[in-house]
Amino acid sequence: MKRFMRMLRFVFVAFLLVFVLPAAVSAGLWLVGDHPRSWRAADWTSAHLLPPASELREPALYILAARTGGLKGAVSEHSWIVMKEAGRQSYERFDKAGWGEPIKTNNWAPDARWYSNEPYVVAEFHGEAAETLIPRVKAAIAAYPYSHRGDYQIFPGPNSNSFVAYVMRRVPGLGAFLPPAAVGRDYPVDGSLFALDTERGELRLSFWGYAGLAVGRDVGFEINILGLVAGFDPFDLKLKVPAFGTVG
């Protein structure tokens, strides 16, 4: 019994140090930072991160992310998909949001700030690679099962990151992952609590999005508890710190 209690105490302390402490520090830093008080006061204009579509002669595909608004921004990011097909003079942007029809098309500039937070590129593809991937991405977007009113749930999902993660995993050859701070990316959209991705060399376990485990060639080792991800990538020597994301 004593050994069990010591083990239980160790697990509890480890949970506090690994998950709760980083989240609390991030929340404290967020609270003392300068952030808009509402979506009306936020800056939603282009960050001029992407080149003008009219200047791109080749097709392009981007996955972007930025910190979200409110206190959620202390621990989570919002992600979206941007593409430009060959011959088009404009980008197409796809987001999932919690109001109206969940899948939003071109509601914001392709590289717009999200609640005043600067976006960054998670993954990008150009030329022949983008030309091959774009039809597959569009097909995955069309097949997303939670694309109707009332389908959005902030936590554990399906939310904006669940949508983008679903598309990324469903498209062969895309070979990219959402960052650890994209809360909701590990929600099992297809309802499967066990997934083995042979193409990516990845094994995932999920307890309905509330907790999970991932081991793989590219993802390294991750533990997900209440949307917060901790782990490490032994190949790239990177740590994954809850609320902060990848360090290294």
Protein backbone atom coordinates (compact mmCIF):
# COMPACT_ATOMS: atom_id res chain seq x y z
CA MET A 1 0.00 0.00 0.00
CA LYS A 2 2.83 2.40 0.87
CA ARG A 3 4.50 1.71 -2.46
CA PHE A 4 1.24 2.46 -4.26
CA MET A 5 0.81 5.72 -2.35
CA ARG A 6 4.40 6.77 -3.16
CA MET A 7 3.78 6.02 -6.82
CA LEU A 8 0.51 7.97 -6.74
CA ARG A 9 2.27 10.90 -5.07
CA PHE A 10 5.02 10.81 -7.71
CA VAL A 11 2.47 10.85 -10.55
CA PHE A 12 0.62 13.75 -8.96
CA VAL A 13 3.79 15.82 -8.47
CA ALA A 14 4.94 15.02 -12.02
CA PHE A 15 1.56 16.16 -13.36
CA LEU A 16 1.84 19.43 -11.45
CA LEU A 17 5.40 20.10 -12.63
CA VAL A 18 5.04 18.98 -16.24
CA PHE A 19 1.51 20.17 -17.09
CA VAL A 20 0.07 22.54 -14.49
CA LEU A 21 3.17 24.69 -13.84
CA PRO A 22 3.90 25.59 -17.51
CA ALA A 23 0.21 26.32 -18.12
CA ALA A 24 0.06 28.54 -15.03
CA VAL A 25 3.22 30.42 -16.06
CA SER A 26 1.88 30.90 -19.58
CA ALA A 27 -1.45 32.14 -18.21
CA GLY A 28 0.34 34.62 -15.94
CA LEU A 29 2.43 35.97 -18.80
CA TRP A 30 -0.66 36.21 -20.97
CA LEU A 31 -2.62 38.15 -18.35
CA VAL A 32 0.07 40.81 -17.99
CA GLY A 33 0.43 41.11 -21.77
CA ASP A 34 -1.37 43.55 -24.04
CA HIS A 35 -4.35 41.78 -25.66
CA PRO A 36 -7.68 43.01 -27.05
CA ARG A 37 -10.62 42.75 -24.68
CA SER A 38 -13.03 41.49 -27.33
CA TRP A 39 -13.13 40.30 -30.93
CA ARG A 40 -14.42 43.73 -31.97
CA ALA A 41 -11.30 45.40 -30.58
CA ALA A 42 -8.94 42.87 -32.17
CA ASP A 43 -6.86 43.36 -35.30
CA TRP A 44 -7.94 40.97 -38.07
CA THR A 45 -5.94 42.54 -40.90
CA SER A 46 -3.31 40.87 -43.05
CA ALA A 47 0.09 40.33 -41.46
CA HIS A 48 1.64 40.35 -44.97
CA LEU A 49 3.20 36.99 -44.24
CA LEU A 50 2.36 35.43 -47.62
CA PRO A 51 3.31 36.82 -51.03
CA PRO A 52 0.43 38.37 -53.02
CA ALA A 53 -1.37 35.60 -54.89
CA SER A 54 -1.09 37.57 -58.14
CA GLU A 55 2.70 37.29 -57.90
CA LEU A 56 2.68 33.51 -57.51
CA ARG A 57 2.85 31.74 -60.86
CA GLU A 58 2.84 28.27 -59.32
CA PRO A 59 0.24 26.65 -57.06
CA ALA A 60 0.81 26.93 -53.33
CA LEU A 61 -0.55 25.32 -50.17
CA TYR A 62 -0.06 26.60 -46.62
CA ILE A 63 -1.01 25.55 -43.11
CA LEU A 64 -0.97 28.57 -40.78
CA ALA A 65 -1.51 29.08 -37.07
CA ALA A 66 -1.68 31.91 -34.53
CA ARG A 67 -2.50 32.27 -30.85
CA THR A 68 -6.22 32.46 -30.26
CA GLY A 69 -8.14 35.09 -28.28
CA GLY A 70 -9.16 35.53 -24.67
CA LEU A 71 -7.54 33.50 -21.93
CA LYS A 72 -7.54 30.53 -24.33
CA GLY A 73 -4.61 32.23 -26.05
CA ALA A 74 -2.43 31.44 -23.05
CA VAL A 75 -2.53 27.75 -23.89
CA SER A 76 -3.86 27.34 -27.42
CA GLU A 77 -3.53 28.34 -31.05
CA HIS A 78 -5.97 28.50 -33.95
CA SER A 79 -4.99 26.92 -37.28
CA TRP A 80 -6.29 27.20 -40.84
CA ILE A 81 -5.62 26.16 -44.45
CA VAL A 82 -4.70 28.44 -47.37
CA MET A 83 -4.25 27.42 -51.00
CA LYS A 84 -3.80 28.93 -54.45
CA GLU A 85 -4.48 26.76 -57.45
CA ALA A 86 -2.72 27.15 -60.76
CA GLY A 87 -4.28 29.91 -62.87
CA ARG A 88 -6.06 31.60 -59.95
CA GLN A 89 -5.29 35.17 -58.96
CA SER A 90 -6.40 34.80 -55.35
CA TYR A 91 -5.99 32.55 -52.33
CA GLU A 92 -8.66 30.38 -50.75
CA ARG A 93 -8.75 30.16 -46.97
CA PHE A 94 -10.57 27.51 -44.91
CA ASP A 95 -11.24 27.75 -41.14
CA LYS A 96 -13.55 26.06 -38.73
CA ALA A 97 -15.26 28.45 -36.33
CA GLY A 98 -17.82 28.21 -33.55
CA TRP A 99 -20.55 30.37 -35.07
CA GLY A 100 -22.74 30.08 -38.14
CA GLU A 101 -21.73 27.47 -40.66
CA PRO A 102 -18.60 25.97 -39.08
CA ILE A 103 -16.43 25.73 -42.20
CA LYS A 104 -15.61 29.30 -43.16
CA THR A 105 -14.31 30.11 -46.64
CA ASN A 106 -12.42 33.38 -47.19
CA ASN A 107 -13.87 35.08 -44.10
CA TRP A 108 -10.49 36.66 -43.39
CA ALA A 109 -7.38 37.56 -45.35
CA PRO A 110 -5.23 34.46 -46.04
CA ASP A 111 -2.57 35.56 -43.56
CA ALA A 112 -4.72 37.69 -41.27
CA ARG A 113 -3.87 38.18 -37.63
CA TRP A 114 -6.05 36.13 -35.31
CA TYR A 115 -7.34 38.20 -32.40
CA SER A 116 -4.38 40.57 -33.08
CA ASN A 117 -1.89 37.69 -32.81
CA GLU A 118 0.68 37.28 -35.58
CA PRO A 119 0.33 34.11 -37.68
CA TYR A 120 3.15 31.81 -38.73
CA VAL A 121 3.55 29.08 -41.33
CA VAL A 122 3.32 25.53 -40.00
CA ALA A 123 3.89 23.89 -43.40
CA GLU A 124 4.02 24.99 -47.03
CA PHE A 125 4.15 23.35 -50.44
CA HIS A 126 4.76 24.84 -53.88
CA GLY A 127 4.81 23.82 -57.51
CA GLU A 128 4.20 20.19 -58.38
CA ALA A 129 3.88 19.17 -54.73
CA ALA A 130 1.12 21.72 -54.13
CA GLU A 131 -0.60 20.84 -57.41
CA THR A 132 -0.76 17.20 -56.32
CA LEU A 133 -1.87 17.94 -52.76
CA ILE A 134 -4.52 20.63 -53.32
CA PRO A 135 -7.20 18.33 -54.85
CA ARG A 136 -6.64 15.86 -52.01
CA VAL A 137 -6.92 18.63 -49.42
CA LYS A 138 -10.16 19.88 -50.98
CA ALA A 139 -11.58 16.37 -50.96
CA ALA A 140 -10.66 15.98 -47.27
CA ILE A 141 -12.29 19.33 -46.44
CA ALA A 142 -15.47 18.22 -48.23
CA ALA A 143 -15.44 14.91 -46.33
CA TYR A 144 -15.01 16.47 -42.87
CA PRO A 145 -17.83 14.96 -40.80
CA TYR A 146 -18.31 17.93 -38.42
CA SER A 147 -19.15 20.59 -40.97
CA HIS A 148 -22.65 21.61 -39.86
CA ARG A 149 -24.15 24.08 -37.40
CA GLY A 150 -23.75 22.93 -33.82
CA ASP A 151 -20.76 20.69 -34.62
CA TYR A 152 -18.19 22.97 -32.99
CA GLN A 153 -17.00 22.35 -29.44
CA ILE A 154 -14.09 24.28 -27.93
CA PHE A 155 -12.87 21.37 -25.81
CA PRO A 156 -12.06 18.56 -26.26
CA GLY A 157 -13.27 19.00 -29.84
CA PRO A 158 -14.12 18.97 -32.61
CA ASN A 159 -12.82 22.53 -32.91
CA SER A 160 -10.77 24.51 -35.43
CA ASN A 161 -7.63 22.45 -34.83
CA SER A 162 -9.53 19.16 -35.02
CA PHE A 163 -10.63 20.19 -38.52
CA VAL A 164 -7.14 21.05 -39.78
CA ALA A 165 -5.55 18.01 -38.12
CA TYR A 166 -8.16 15.77 -39.76
CA VAL A 167 -7.34 17.18 -43.20
CA MET A 168 -3.59 16.87 -42.63
CA ARG A 169 -3.83 13.24 -41.51
CA ARG A 170 -6.23 12.28 -44.28
CA VAL A 171 -4.05 13.56 -47.14
CA PRO A 172 -1.27 11.16 -48.20
CA GLY A 173 2.02 12.88 -48.84
CA LEU A 174 1.32 15.95 -46.75
CA GLY A 175 3.62 14.73 -43.98
CA ALA A 176 3.17 17.61 -41.54
CA PHE A 177 1.75 18.00 -38.04
CA LEU A 178 0.02 20.77 -36.16
CA PRO A 179 2.10 22.24 -33.32
CA PRO A 180 1.61 20.94 -29.76
CA ALA A 181 -0.22 24.13 -28.69
CA ALA A 182 -3.02 23.47 -31.20
CA VAL A 183 -5.48 22.23 -28.56
CA GLY A 184 -8.03 19.90 -30.14
CA ARG A 185 -5.71 18.49 -32.80
CA ASP A 186 -5.75 15.10 -31.03
CA TYR A 187 -9.53 14.80 -30.92
CA PRO A 188 -10.50 11.49 -32.62
CA VAL A 189 -12.71 12.87 -35.40
CA ASP A 190 -13.39 9.39 -36.78
CA GLY A 191 -14.26 8.07 -33.32
CA SER A 192 -11.28 5.73 -33.25
CA LEU A 193 -9.43 5.55 -29.93
CA PHE A 194 -6.53 3.67 -31.54
CA ALA A 195 -4.85 4.73 -34.80
CA LEU A 196 -1.79 3.37 -36.59
CA ASP A 197 -0.48 5.49 -39.45
CA THR A 198 1.97 3.35 -41.40
CA GLU A 199 2.90 6.14 -43.82
CA ARG A 200 4.03 8.42 -41.00
CA GLY A 201 5.20 5.62 -38.73
CA GLU A 202 2.92 6.86 -35.96
CA LEU A 203 0.82 5.25 -33.24
CA ARG A 204 -1.87 7.28 -31.47
CA LEU A 205 -4.10 6.48 -28.50
CA SER A 206 -6.91 8.83 -27.52
CA PHE A 207 -9.43 8.84 -24.70
CA TRP A 208 -12.04 10.89 -26.56
CA GLY A 209 -9.70 13.89 -26.72
CA TYR A 210 -9.37 14.29 -22.95
CA ALA A 211 -6.08 12.40 -22.80
CA GLY A 212 -3.86 10.55 -25.22
CA LEU A 213 -0.49 9.23 -26.25
CA ALA A 214 1.44 9.49 -29.52
CA VAL A 215 4.66 7.76 -30.57
CA GLY A 216 6.17 8.08 -34.02
CA ARG A 217 9.06 8.69 -36.32
CA ASP A 218 8.24 12.37 -36.85
CA VAL A 219 6.17 13.19 -33.78
CA GLY A 220 8.57 11.66 -31.26
CA PHE A 221 6.85 10.95 -27.95
CA GLU A 222 3.85 12.92 -26.69
CA ILE A 223 1.46 12.74 -23.75
CA ASN A 224 -1.74 14.75 -24.06
CA ILE A 225 -3.75 15.57 -20.94
CA LEU A 226 -6.75 17.90 -21.13
CA GLY A 227 -5.44 19.30 -24.40
CA LEU A 228 -1.99 20.13 -23.01
CA VAL A 229 0.86 18.30 -24.75
CA ALA A 230 4.18 17.35 -23.18
CA GLY A 231 6.86 15.32 -24.90
CA PHE A 232 10.15 15.25 -26.74
CA ASP A 233 11.51 14.56 -30.20
CA PRO A 234 14.76 12.57 -29.84
CA PHE A 235 15.62 12.98 -33.53
CA ASP A 236 15.42 16.80 -33.62
CA LEU A 237 16.30 17.27 -29.94
CA LYS A 238 13.17 19.27 -29.19
CA LEU A 239 11.02 19.48 -26.08
CA LYS A 240 7.25 19.95 -26.21
CA VAL A 241 6.15 22.12 -23.30
CA PRO A 242 2.46 22.43 -22.40
CA ALA A 243 0.96 25.83 -23.38
CA PHE A 244 4.27 27.03 -24.86
CA GLY A 245 4.70 24.53 -27.70
CA THR A 246 7.96 23.21 -29.14
CA VAL A 247 11.24 24.39 -27.63
CA GLY A 248 14.56 23.68 -29.30
